[in-house]
PDB file of N, CA and C in Angstrom:
ATOM      1  N   MET A   1       0.726  -1.261   0.303  1.00  0.00           N
ATOM      2  CA  MET A   1       0.019  -0.142   0.225  1.00  0.00           C
ATOM      3  C   MET A   1       1.518   1.808  -0.070  1.00  0.00           C
ATOM      4  N   LEU A   2       2.172   0.969   0.848  1.00  0.00           N
ATOM      5  CA  LEU A   2       2.816   2.237   0.828  1.00  0.00           C
ATOM      6  C   LEU A   2       3.260   2.414  -0.391  1.00  0.00           C
ATOM      7  N   PHE A   3       3.645   1.609  -1.247  1.00  0.00           N
ATOM      8  CA  PHE A   3       4.406   1.707  -2.824  1.00  0.00           C
ATOM      9  C   PHE A   3       3.274   2.348  -3.591  1.00  0.00           C
ATOM     10  N   TYR A   4       2.134   2.093  -3.737  1.00  0.00           N
ATOM     11  CA  TYR A   4       1.142   2.706  -4.326  1.00  0.00           C
ATOM     12  C   TYR A   4       1.244   3.726  -3.919  1.00  0.00           C
ATOM     13  N   ALA A   5       0.365   4.696  -2.975  1.00  0.00           N
ATOM     14  CA  ALA A   5       0.826   5.955  -2.768  1.00  0.00           C
ATOM     15  C   ALA A   5       1.948   6.167  -2.349  1.00  0.00           C
ATOM     16  N   ARG A   6       3.414   5.819  -2.481  1.00  0.00           N
ATOM     17  CA  ARG A   6       4.213   6.460  -3.102  1.00  0.00           C
ATOM     18  C   ARG A   6       4.618   7.178  -4.517  1.00  0.00           C
ATOM     19  N   SER A   7       3.835   5.803  -5.094  1.00  0.00           N
ATOM     20  CA  SER A   7       4.441   6.129  -6.699  1.00  0.00           C
ATOM     21  C   SER A   7       3.291   7.440  -7.442  1.00  0.00           C
ATOM     22  N   ASP A   8       2.170   6.439  -7.128  1.00  0.00           N
ATOM     23  CA  ASP A   8       1.223   7.444  -7.484  1.00  0.00           C
ATOM     24  C   ASP A   8       1.077   8.886  -6.734  1.00  0.00           C
ATOM     25  N   THR A   9       1.879   9.081  -6.332  1.00  0.00           N
ATOM     26  CA  THR A   9       1.943  10.616  -6.038  1.00  0.00           C
ATOM     27  C   THR A   9       4.063  11.725  -6.577  1.00  0.00           C
ATOM     28  N   HIS A  10       3.958  10.185  -6.822  1.00  0.00           N
ATOM     29  CA  HIS A  10       5.534  10.967  -6.833  1.00  0.00           C
ATOM     30  C   HIS A  10       6.027  12.080  -7.840  1.00  0.00           C
ATOM     31  N   PHE A  11       4.626  11.780  -8.673  1.00  0.00           N
ATOM     32  CA  PHE A  11       5.650  14.225  -9.800  1.00  0.00           C
ATOM     33  C   PHE A  11       4.086  14.919  -9.079  1.00  0.00           C
ATOM     34  N   LEU A  12       4.081  14.817  -8.162  1.00  0.00           N
ATOM     35  CA  LEU A  12       2.819  15.618  -7.701  1.00  0.00           C
ATOM     36  C   LEU A  12       3.664  16.618  -7.310  1.00  0.00           C
ATOM     37  N   LEU A  13       4.375  17.147  -6.235  1.00  0.00           N
ATOM     38  CA  LEU A  13       5.978  18.598  -6.702  1.00  0.00           C
ATOM     39  C   LEU A  13       5.853  19.139  -7.315  1.00  0.00           C
ATOM     40  N   TYR A  14       6.380  18.111  -8.417  1.00  0.00           N
ATOM     41  CA  TYR A  14       6.969  18.606  -9.891  1.00  0.00           C
ATOM     42  C   TYR A  14       5.547  19.312 -10.852  1.00  0.00           C
ATOM     43  N   VAL A  15       4.839  18.750 -10.517  1.00  0.00           N
ATOM     44  CA  VAL A  15       3.683  19.177 -11.533  1.00  0.00           C
ATOM     45  C   VAL A  15       3.144  20.412 -10.659  1.00  0.00           C
ATOM     46  N   TYR A  16       2.519  20.341  -9.338  1.00  0.00           N
ATOM     47  CA  TYR A  16       2.936  21.460  -8.491  1.00  0.00           C
ATOM     48  C   TYR A  16       3.484  23.133  -8.739  1.00  0.00           C
ATOM     49  N   ASP A  17       5.014  22.784  -9.433  1.00  0.00           N
ATOM     50  CA  ASP A  17       5.194  23.484  -9.434  1.00  0.00           C
ATOM     51  C   ASP A  17       5.734  23.461 -10.877  1.00  0.00           C
ATOM     52  N   ARG A  18       5.171  23.512 -11.449  1.00  0.00           N
ATOM     53  CA  ARG A  18       4.786  23.755 -13.079  1.00  0.00           C
ATOM     54  C   ARG A  18       3.835  24.521 -13.663  1.00  0.00           C
ATOM     55  N   LEU A  19       2.651  23.820 -12.311  1.00  0.00           N
ATOM     56  CA  LEU A  19       0.939  25.178 -12.983  1.00  0.00           C
ATOM     57  C   LEU A  19       1.238  26.378 -12.333  1.00  0.00           C
ATOM     58  N   ARG A  20       1.884  26.025 -10.924  1.00  0.00           N
ATOM     59  CA  ARG A  20       2.162  27.708 -10.015  1.00  0.00           C
ATOM     60  C   ARG A  20       2.912  28.537 -10.793  1.00  0.00           C
ATOM     61  N   GLU A  21       3.861  27.630 -11.347  1.00  0.00           N
ATOM     62  CA  GLU A  21       5.476  28.343 -13.111  1.00  0.00           C
ATOM     63  C   GLU A  21       4.022  29.214 -14.133  1.00  0.00           C
ATOM     64  N   SER A  22       2.717  28.266 -14.596  1.00  0.00           N
ATOM     65  CA  SER A  22       2.254  28.917 -15.247  1.00  0.00           C
ATOM     66  C   SER A  22       1.344  29.522 -15.169  1.00  0.00           C
ATOM     67  N   LEU A  23       0.593  30.129 -13.755  1.00  0.00           N
ATOM     68  CA  LEU A  23       0.087  30.490 -13.796  1.00  0.00           C
ATOM     69  C   LEU A  23       0.328  31.807 -13.242  1.00  0.00           C
ATOM     70  N   LEU A  24       1.800  32.225 -12.946  1.00  0.00           N
ATOM     71  CA  LEU A  24       1.831  33.055 -11.999  1.00  0.00           C
ATOM     72  C   LEU A  24       3.210  33.901 -13.869  1.00  0.00           C
ATOM     73  N   ASP A  25       3.001  33.216 -15.590  1.00  0.00           N
ATOM     74  CA  ASP A  25       3.153  33.550 -16.680  1.00  0.00           C
ATOM     75  C   ASP A  25       2.164  33.995 -17.272  1.00  0.00           C
ATOM     76  N   ARG A  26       1.065  33.494 -16.313  1.00  0.00           N
ATOM     77  CA  ARG A  26      -0.323  33.803 -17.422  1.00  0.00           C
ATOM     78  C   ARG A  26      -0.152  34.645 -16.624  1.00  0.00           C
ATOM     79  N   GLY A  27      -0.340  35.322 -15.366  1.00  0.00           N
ATOM     80  CA  GLY A  27      -0.177  36.647 -14.598  1.00  0.00           C
ATOM     81  C   GLY A  27       0.877  37.402 -14.846  1.00  0.00           C
ATOM     82  N   GLN A  28       1.882  37.008 -15.391  1.00  0.00           N
ATOM     83  CA  GLN A  28       3.316  38.597 -15.059  1.00  0.00           C
ATOM     84  C   GLN A  28       3.638  38.692 -14.239  1.00  0.00           C
ATOM     85  N   GLY A  29       3.410  36.872 -13.115  1.00  0.00           N
ATOM     86  CA  GLY A  29       4.227  37.624 -11.533  1.00  0.00           C
ATOM     87  C   GLY A  29       2.972  38.150 -10.508  1.00  0.00           C
ATOM     88  N   SER A  30       2.009  37.896 -10.757  1.00  0.00           N
ATOM     89  CA  SER A  30       0.748  38.445 -10.314  1.00  0.00           C
ATOM     90  C   SER A  30       0.354  37.026  -9.587  1.00  0.00           C
ATOM     91  N   GLU A  31      -0.346  36.902  -8.118  1.00  0.00           N
ATOM     92  CA  GLU A  31      -0.739  36.124  -7.168  1.00  0.00           C
ATOM     93  C   GLU A  31      -2.288  35.683  -8.612  1.00  0.00           C
ATOM     94  N   ASP A  32      -2.780  36.716  -8.770  1.00  0.00           N
ATOM     95  CA  ASP A  32      -3.819  36.676  -9.140  1.00  0.00           C
ATOM     96  C   ASP A  32      -4.918  35.258  -9.435  1.00  0.00           C
ATOM     97  N   TRP A  33      -4.397  35.240 -10.688  1.00  0.00           N
ATOM     98  CA  TRP A  33      -4.232  33.324 -11.470  1.00  0.00           C
ATOM     99  C   TRP A  33      -4.074  32.884 -10.727  1.00  0.00           C
ATOM    100  N   ILE A  34      -2.918  32.591  -9.106  1.00  0.00           N
ATOM    101  CA  ILE A  34      -3.124  31.564  -8.473  1.00  0.00           C
ATOM    102  C   ILE A  34      -4.081  30.907  -7.452  1.00  0.00           C
ATOM    103  N   ARG A  35      -4.700  32.796  -7.027  1.00  0.00           N
ATOM    104  CA  ARG A  35      -5.875  32.604  -6.395  1.00  0.00           C
ATOM    105  C   ARG A  35      -7.207  31.937  -6.775  1.00  0.00           C
ATOM    106  N   ARG A  36      -7.320  32.823  -8.019  1.00  0.00           N
ATOM    107  CA  ARG A  36      -8.542  32.615  -8.969  1.00  0.00           C
ATOM    108  C   ARG A  36      -8.303  30.557 -10.035  1.00  0.00           C
ATOM    109  N   ALA A  37      -7.257  29.715  -9.271  1.00  0.00           N
ATOM    110  CA  ALA A  37      -7.734  28.401  -9.766  1.00  0.00           C
ATOM    111  C   ALA A  37      -8.351  27.728  -7.889  1.00  0.00           C
ATOM    112  N   LEU A  38      -6.832  27.989  -6.877  1.00  0.00           N
ATOM    113  CA  LEU A  38      -7.714  28.065  -5.958  1.00  0.00           C
ATOM    114  C   LEU A  38      -9.521  27.620  -5.512  1.00  0.00           C
ATOM    115  N   ARG A  39      -9.567  29.331  -6.062  1.00  0.00           N
ATOM    116  CA  ARG A  39     -10.650  29.588  -5.382  1.00  0.00           C
ATOM    117  C   ARG A  39     -11.864  28.334  -6.305  1.00  0.00           C
ATOM    118  N   ASN A  40     -11.689  28.027  -7.926  1.00  0.00           N
ATOM    119  CA  ASN A  40     -12.381  26.716  -8.423  1.00  0.00           C
ATOM    120  C   ASN A  40     -12.148  25.790  -7.920  1.00  0.00           C
ATOM    121  N   SER A  41     -10.988  24.980  -7.750  1.00  0.00           N
ATOM    122  CA  SER A  41     -10.226  24.043  -6.956  1.00  0.00           C
ATOM    123  C   SER A  41     -11.527  24.043  -5.566  1.00  0.00           C
ATOM    124  N   GLU A  42     -11.523  24.841  -5.341  1.00  0.00           N
ATOM    125  CA  GLU A  42     -12.465  24.562  -3.786  1.00  0.00           C
ATOM    126  C   GLU A  42     -13.709  24.573  -4.127  1.00  0.00           C
ATOM    127  N   GLU A  43     -14.024  24.765  -5.325  1.00  0.00           N
ATOM    128  CA  GLU A  43     -15.698  25.050  -5.396  1.00  0.00           C
ATOM    129  C   GLU A  43     -15.625  23.842  -6.409  1.00  0.00           C
ATOM    130  N   THR A  44     -15.201  23.493  -6.918  1.00  0.00           N
ATOM    131  CA  THR A  44     -14.510  21.935  -7.087  1.00  0.00           C
ATOM    132  C   THR A  44     -14.789  20.764  -6.252  1.00  0.00           C
ATOM    133  N   ALA A  45     -14.614  21.552  -5.691  1.00  0.00           N
ATOM    134  CA  ALA A  45     -14.303  20.563  -4.806  1.00  0.00           C
ATOM    135  C   ALA A  45     -15.611  19.799  -2.987  1.00  0.00           C
ATOM    136  N   LEU A  46     -16.281  21.049  -3.222  1.00  0.00           N
ATOM    137  CA  LEU A  46     -17.445  21.406  -2.693  1.00  0.00           C
ATOM    138  C   LEU A  46     -18.695  20.753  -2.979  1.00  0.00           C
ATOM    139  N   LYS A  47     -18.687  20.140  -4.251  1.00  0.00           N
ATOM    140  CA  LYS A  47     -20.052  19.808  -5.305  1.00  0.00           C
ATOM    141  C   LYS A  47     -19.554  18.457  -4.638  1.00  0.00           C
ATOM    142  N   GLU A  48     -20.959  17.811  -4.634  1.00  0.00           N
ATOM    143  CA  GLU A  48     -21.645  16.081  -3.724  1.00  0.00           C
ATOM    144  C   GLU A  48     -21.237  15.694  -5.136  1.00  0.00           C
ATOM    145  N   PHE A  49     -21.300  14.662  -4.741  1.00  0.00           N
ATOM    146  CA  PHE A  49     -21.228  13.394  -5.776  1.00  0.00           C
ATOM    147  C   PHE A  49     -22.832  13.253  -6.417  1.00  0.00           C
ATOM    148  N   HIS A  50     -23.437  12.740  -6.919  1.00  0.00           N
ATOM    149  CA  HIS A  50     -24.023  12.208  -7.564  1.00  0.00           C
ATOM    150  C   HIS A  50     -24.843  10.663  -8.347  1.00  0.00           C
ATOM    151  N   ARG A  51     -24.300   9.843  -8.276  1.00  0.00           N
ATOM    152  CA  ARG A  51     -24.653   8.405  -8.495  1.00  0.00           C
ATOM    153  C   ARG A  51     -25.975   8.787  -9.719  1.00  0.00           C
ATOM    154  N   GLU A  52     -25.556   8.731 -11.139  1.00  0.00           N
ATOM    155  CA  GLU A  52     -27.357   8.190 -11.961  1.00  0.00           C
ATOM    156  C   GLU A  52     -27.345   7.503 -12.300  1.00  0.00           C
ATOM    157  N   ALA A  53     -28.961   7.126 -12.187  1.00  0.00           N
ATOM    158  CA  ALA A  53     -29.576   5.523 -11.449  1.00  0.00           C
ATOM    159  C   ALA A  53     -29.517   4.811 -13.048  1.00  0.00           C
ATOM    160  N   TYR A  54     -28.807   3.470 -13.168  1.00  0.00           N
ATOM    161  CA  TYR A  54     -28.791   2.664 -14.547  1.00  0.00           C
ATOM    162  C   TYR A  54     -29.878   1.691 -13.954  1.00  0.00           C
ATOM    163  N   LEU A  55     -30.548   1.281 -14.965  1.00  0.00           N
ATOM    164  CA  LEU A  55     -31.848   0.289 -15.321  1.00  0.00           C
ATOM    165  C   LEU A  55     -30.977  -0.654 -16.404  1.00  0.00           C
ATOM    166  N   ALA A  56     -31.010  -1.159 -15.934  1.00  0.00           N
ATOM    167  CA  ALA A  56     -29.973  -2.298 -16.908  1.00  0.00           C
ATOM    168  C   ALA A  56     -31.288  -2.988 -17.665  1.00  0.00           C
ATOM    169  N   LYS A  57     -31.851  -3.467 -16.954  1.00  0.00           N
ATOM    170  CA  LYS A  57     -33.137  -3.749 -18.580  1.00  0.00           C
ATOM    171  C   LYS A  57     -34.439  -2.635 -19.274  1.00  0.00           C
ATOM    172  N   THR A  58     -33.795  -1.636 -18.739  1.00  0.00           N
ATOM    173  CA  THR A  58     -33.965  -0.319 -20.367  1.00  0.00           C
ATOM    174  C   THR A  58     -33.344   0.172 -21.127  1.00  0.00           C
ATOM    175  N   GLY A  59     -31.511  -0.244 -20.080  1.00  0.00           N
ATOM    176  CA  GLY A  59     -30.772   0.880 -20.445  1.00  0.00           C
ATOM    177  C   GLY A  59     -29.937   1.962 -20.455  1.00  0.00           C
ATOM    178  N   ASP A  60     -31.195   2.722 -20.057  1.00  0.00           N
ATOM    179  CA  ASP A  60     -31.076   3.965 -19.290  1.00  0.00           C
ATOM    180  C   ASP A  60     -30.396   4.057 -18.533  1.00  0.00           C
ATOM    181  N   GLY A  61     -29.381   5.341 -18.194  1.00  0.00           N
ATOM    182  CA  GLY A  61     -28.929   5.850 -17.340  1.00  0.00           C
ATOM    183  C   GLY A  61     -27.160   5.925 -17.700  1.00  0.00           C
ATOM    184  N   SER A  62     -26.732   5.590 -16.416  1.00  0.00           N
ATOM    185  CA  SER A  62     -25.440   5.888 -16.947  1.00  0.00           C
ATOM    186  C   SER A  62     -24.496   5.347 -17.404  1.00  0.00           C
ATOM    187  N   ARG A  63     -23.780   5.615 -18.840  1.00  0.00           N
ATOM    188  CA  ARG A  63     -23.098   4.595 -19.237  1.00  0.00           C
ATOM    189  C   ARG A  63     -23.851   3.505 -19.914  1.00  0.00           C
ATOM    190  N   GLY A  64     -24.865   3.289 -19.489  1.00  0.00           N
ATOM    191  CA  GLY A  64     -25.767   1.741 -19.880  1.00  0.00           C
ATOM    192  C   GLY A  64     -26.110   1.693 -21.252  1.00  0.00           C
ATOM    193  N   TRP A  65     -26.076   0.042 -21.830  1.00  0.00           N
ATOM    194  CA  TRP A  65     -26.459  -0.107 -22.546  1.00  0.00           C
ATOM    195  C   TRP A  65     -27.311   1.254 -24.209  1.00  0.00           C
ATOM    196  N   GLY A  66     -28.699   1.115 -23.479  1.00  0.00           N
ATOM    197  CA  GLY A  66     -28.901   1.746 -24.425  1.00  0.00           C
ATOM    198  C   GLY A  66     -28.632   2.942 -24.643  1.00  0.00           C
ATOM    199  N   GLY A  67     -27.324   3.387 -24.206  1.00  0.00           N
ATOM    200  CA  GLY A  67     -26.737   4.663 -24.595  1.00  0.00           C
ATOM    201  C   GLY A  67     -25.792   4.565 -25.272  1.00  0.00           C
ATOM    202  N   VAL A  68     -25.285   3.178 -24.943  1.00  0.00           N
ATOM    203  CA  VAL A  68     -24.786   3.031 -25.928  1.00  0.00           C
ATOM    204  C   VAL A  68     -24.223   2.760 -27.727  1.00  0.00           C
ATOM    205  N   LEU A  69     -25.993   1.641 -27.965  1.00  0.00           N
ATOM    206  CA  LEU A  69     -26.206   1.025 -29.005  1.00  0.00           C
ATOM    207  C   LEU A  69     -26.494   2.775 -29.677  1.00  0.00           C
ATOM    208  N   ARG A  70     -27.372   3.431 -29.137  1.00  0.00           N
ATOM    209  CA  ARG A  70     -27.484   5.188 -29.613  1.00  0.00           C
ATOM    210  C   ARG A  70     -26.728   5.702 -29.769  1.00  0.00           C
ATOM    211  N   TRP A  71     -26.175   5.683 -28.835  1.00  0.00           N
ATOM    212  CA  TRP A  71     -24.419   6.690 -29.276  1.00  0.00           C
ATOM    213  C   TRP A  71     -23.853   5.688 -31.110  1.00  0.00           C
ATOM    214  N   TYR A  72     -23.771   4.605 -31.281  1.00  0.00           N
ATOM    215  CA  TYR A  72     -23.070   3.832 -32.183  1.00  0.00           C
ATOM    216  C   TYR A  72     -24.140   3.195 -33.715  1.00  0.00           C
ATOM    217  N   ASN A  73     -25.593   4.343 -32.913  1.00  0.00           N
ATOM    218  CA  ASN A  73     -26.492   4.270 -34.206  1.00  0.00           C
ATOM    219  C   ASN A  73     -26.898   2.541 -34.533  1.00  0.00           C
ATOM    220  N   LYS A  74     -26.621   2.024 -33.402  1.00  0.00           N
ATOM    221  CA  LYS A  74     -26.938   0.696 -33.892  1.00  0.00           C
ATOM    222  C   LYS A  74     -28.629  -0.075 -33.279  1.00  0.00           C
ATOM    223  N   ARG A  75     -28.778  -0.631 -34.246  1.00  0.00           N
ATOM    224  CA  ARG A  75     -30.554  -1.820 -33.835  1.00  0.00           C
ATOM    225  C   ARG A  75     -29.879  -3.415 -33.593  1.00  0.00           C
ATOM    226  N   LEU A  76     -30.056  -3.927 -32.942  1.00  0.00           N
ATOM    227  CA  LEU A  76     -28.960  -5.144 -32.555  1.00  0.00           C
ATOM    228  C   LEU A  76     -30.396  -5.476 -31.988  1.00  0.00           C
ATOM    229  N   MET A  77     -30.846  -7.073 -32.810  1.00  0.00           N
ATOM    230  CA  MET A  77     -32.218  -7.873 -33.503  1.00  0.00           C
ATOM    231  C   MET A  77     -31.414  -9.323 -32.345  1.00  0.00           C
ATOM    232  N   GLY A  78     -32.641 -10.188 -31.453  1.00  0.00           N
ATOM    233  CA  GLY A  78     -32.494 -11.588 -31.696  1.00  0.00           C
ATOM    234  C   GLY A  78     -30.824 -11.620 -30.111  1.00  0.00           C
ATOM    235  N   VAL A  79     -30.169 -13.054 -31.409  1.00  0.00           N
ATOM    236  CA  VAL A  79     -28.650 -14.031 -30.730  1.00  0.00           C
ATOM    237  C   VAL A  79     -28.203 -12.546 -30.126  1.00  0.00           C
ATOM    238  N   GLN A  80     -27.666 -11.454 -31.441  1.00  0.00           N
ATOM    239  CA  GLN A  80     -27.407 -10.430 -31.201  1.00  0.00           C
ATOM    240  C   GLN A  80     -27.347  -9.861 -29.807  1.00  0.00           C
ATOM    241  N   ARG A  81     -28.401  -9.266 -29.789  1.00  0.00           N
ATOM    242  CA  ARG A  81     -28.654  -8.690 -28.635  1.00  0.00           C
ATOM    243  C   ARG A  81     -28.346  -8.964 -27.790  1.00  0.00           C
ATOM    244  N   GLU A  82     -28.780 -10.229 -27.618  1.00  0.00           N
ATOM    245  CA  GLU A  82     -28.954 -11.045 -26.491  1.00  0.00           C
ATOM    246  C   GLU A  82     -26.903 -11.619 -25.705  1.00  0.00           C
ATOM    247  N   VAL A  83     -26.937 -11.866 -27.236  1.00  0.00           N
ATOM    248  CA  VAL A  83     -24.912 -11.469 -26.630  1.00  0.00           C
ATOM    249  C   VAL A  83     -24.554 -10.344 -25.820  1.00  0.00           C
ATOM    250  N   PHE A  84     -24.697  -9.347 -26.510  1.00  0.00           N
ATOM    251  CA  PHE A  84     -24.028  -7.838 -26.553  1.00  0.00           C
ATOM    252  C   PHE A  84     -25.108  -7.524 -25.012  1.00  0.00           C
ATOM    253  N   LEU A  85     -26.318  -7.676 -24.341  1.00  0.00           N
ATOM    254  CA  LEU A  85     -26.761  -7.261 -23.158  1.00  0.00           C
ATOM    255  C   LEU A  85     -25.646  -8.281 -21.970  1.00  0.00           C
ATOM    256  N   ALA A  86     -25.893  -9.526 -22.359  1.00  0.00           N
ATOM    257  CA  ALA A  86     -24.746 -10.314 -21.905  1.00  0.00           C
ATOM    258  C   ALA A  86     -23.168  -9.694 -21.559  1.00  0.00           C
ATOM    259  N   VAL A  87     -22.627  -9.534 -22.277  1.00  0.00           N
ATOM    260  CA  VAL A  87     -21.388  -8.731 -22.170  1.00  0.00           C
ATOM    261  C   VAL A  87     -21.293  -7.558 -21.472  1.00  0.00           C
ATOM    262  N   HIS A  88     -22.485  -7.112 -22.130  1.00  0.00           N
ATOM    263  CA  HIS A  88     -22.821  -5.245 -21.509  1.00  0.00           C
ATOM    264  C   HIS A  88     -22.903  -5.387 -19.599  1.00  0.00           C
ATOM    265  N   ALA A  89     -23.208  -6.997 -19.366  1.00  0.00           N
ATOM    266  CA  ALA A  89     -23.936  -6.651 -17.875  1.00  0.00           C
ATOM    267  C   ALA A  89     -22.311  -7.394 -17.401  1.00  0.00           C
ATOM    268  N   TRP A  90     -22.382  -8.565 -17.566  1.00  0.00           N
ATOM    269  CA  TRP A  90     -20.621  -8.668 -17.318  1.00  0.00           C
ATOM    270  C   TRP A  90     -20.063  -7.837 -16.500  1.00  0.00           C
ATOM    271  N   ARG A  91     -19.320  -6.456 -18.230  1.00  0.00           N
ATOM    272  CA  ARG A  91     -18.857  -5.926 -17.953  1.00  0.00           C
ATOM    273  C   ARG A  91     -19.069  -4.270 -17.308  1.00  0.00           C
ATOM    274  N   ASP A  92     -20.391  -4.560 -17.084  1.00  0.00           N
ATOM    275  CA  ASP A  92     -20.332  -3.663 -15.630  1.00  0.00           C
ATOM    276  C   ASP A  92     -20.465  -4.229 -14.429  1.00  0.00           C
ATOM    277  N   LYS A  93     -20.545  -5.451 -14.436  1.00  0.00           N
ATOM    278  CA  LYS A  93     -20.875  -5.747 -12.710  1.00  0.00           C
ATOM    279  C   LYS A  93     -18.982  -6.130 -12.383  1.00  0.00           C
ATOM    280  N   VAL A  94     -18.410  -6.228 -13.496  1.00  0.00           N
ATOM    281  CA  VAL A  94     -16.439  -6.548 -12.905  1.00  0.00           C
ATOM    282  C   VAL A  94     -16.109  -5.032 -12.743  1.00  0.00           C
ATOM    283  N   ALA A  95     -16.862  -4.349 -14.056  1.00  0.00           N
ATOM    284  CA  ALA A  95     -15.680  -2.687 -13.412  1.00  0.00           C
ATOM    285  C   ALA A  95     -16.743  -2.245 -12.657  1.00  0.00           C
ATOM    286  N   ARG A  96     -17.573  -2.186 -12.025  1.00  0.00           N
ATOM    287  CA  ARG A  96     -18.402  -1.984 -10.416  1.00  0.00           C
ATOM    288  C   ARG A  96     -17.660  -2.502  -9.483  1.00  0.00           C
ATOM    289  N   GLU A  97     -16.914  -4.366  -9.223  1.00  0.00           N
ATOM    290  CA  GLU A  97     -16.228  -4.170  -8.480  1.00  0.00           C
ATOM    291  C   GLU A  97     -15.311  -4.205  -8.078  1.00  0.00           C
ATOM    292  N   GLU A  98     -14.840  -4.157  -9.486  1.00  0.00           N
ATOM    293  CA  GLU A  98     -13.142  -3.243  -9.298  1.00  0.00           C
ATOM    294  C   GLU A  98     -12.931  -1.478  -9.567  1.00  0.00           C
ATOM    295  N   ASP A  99     -13.467  -1.167  -8.898  1.00  0.00           N
ATOM    296  CA  ASP A  99     -14.403   0.707  -9.187  1.00  0.00           C
ATOM    297  C   ASP A  99     -14.372   0.724  -8.226  1.00  0.00           C
ATOM    298  N   GLU A 100     -15.532   0.216  -7.498  1.00  0.00           N
ATOM    299  CA  GLU A 100     -15.958   0.896  -6.105  1.00  0.00           C
ATOM    300  C   GLU A 100     -15.795   0.771  -5.516  1.00  0.00           C
ATOM    301  N   SER A 101     -15.820   1.723  -4.302  1.00  0.00           N
ATOM    302  CA  SER A 101     -15.463   1.696  -3.278  1.00  0.00           C
ATOM    303  C   SER A 101     -16.649   0.551  -2.283  1.00  0.00           C
ATOM    304  N   PRO A 102     -16.128   0.030  -1.786  1.00  0.00           N
ATOM    305  CA  PRO A 102     -17.868  -0.729  -0.996  1.00  0.00           C
ATOM    306  C   PRO A 102     -17.929  -0.610   0.175  1.00  0.00           C
ATOM    307  N   LEU A 103     -18.278   1.342   0.624  1.00  0.00           N
ATOM    308  CA  LEU A 103     -18.716   2.096   1.510  1.00  0.00           C
ATOM    309  C   LEU A 103     -19.143   3.393   1.010  1.00  0.00           C
TER     310      LEU A 103
END
C-alpha cells in the first residue's frame, strides 16, 4: 500500500511547480491566477457527487447499454442483442466490483 501511495504521488510536487509557474507567467508575476485557480478548485471540491441511476432492463442511465447502442447508431436483434446485453452486464458488474468503493 505504501509503495502504491508513493508511486501514485511521485510527480505531484513537479506538477505543482509547473502549474504554479504557468499561472504566474499567465498573470505576469501576479498571484491573481493562483488565487483564481485555488478558488475554482475549492468550488469543485465542494460539489457533491450523485450517481445517475442505471436501469439494466431498459439500458437507461449512466453508461447504460441503451446509450451505447444510440451512440453507435446500432439496432441489434435476436441472438446479437442477447449476447450484447450479456457482455454489457458482465462488463458493468466487473467494473463496479473493481472500481467502486465498498463504503
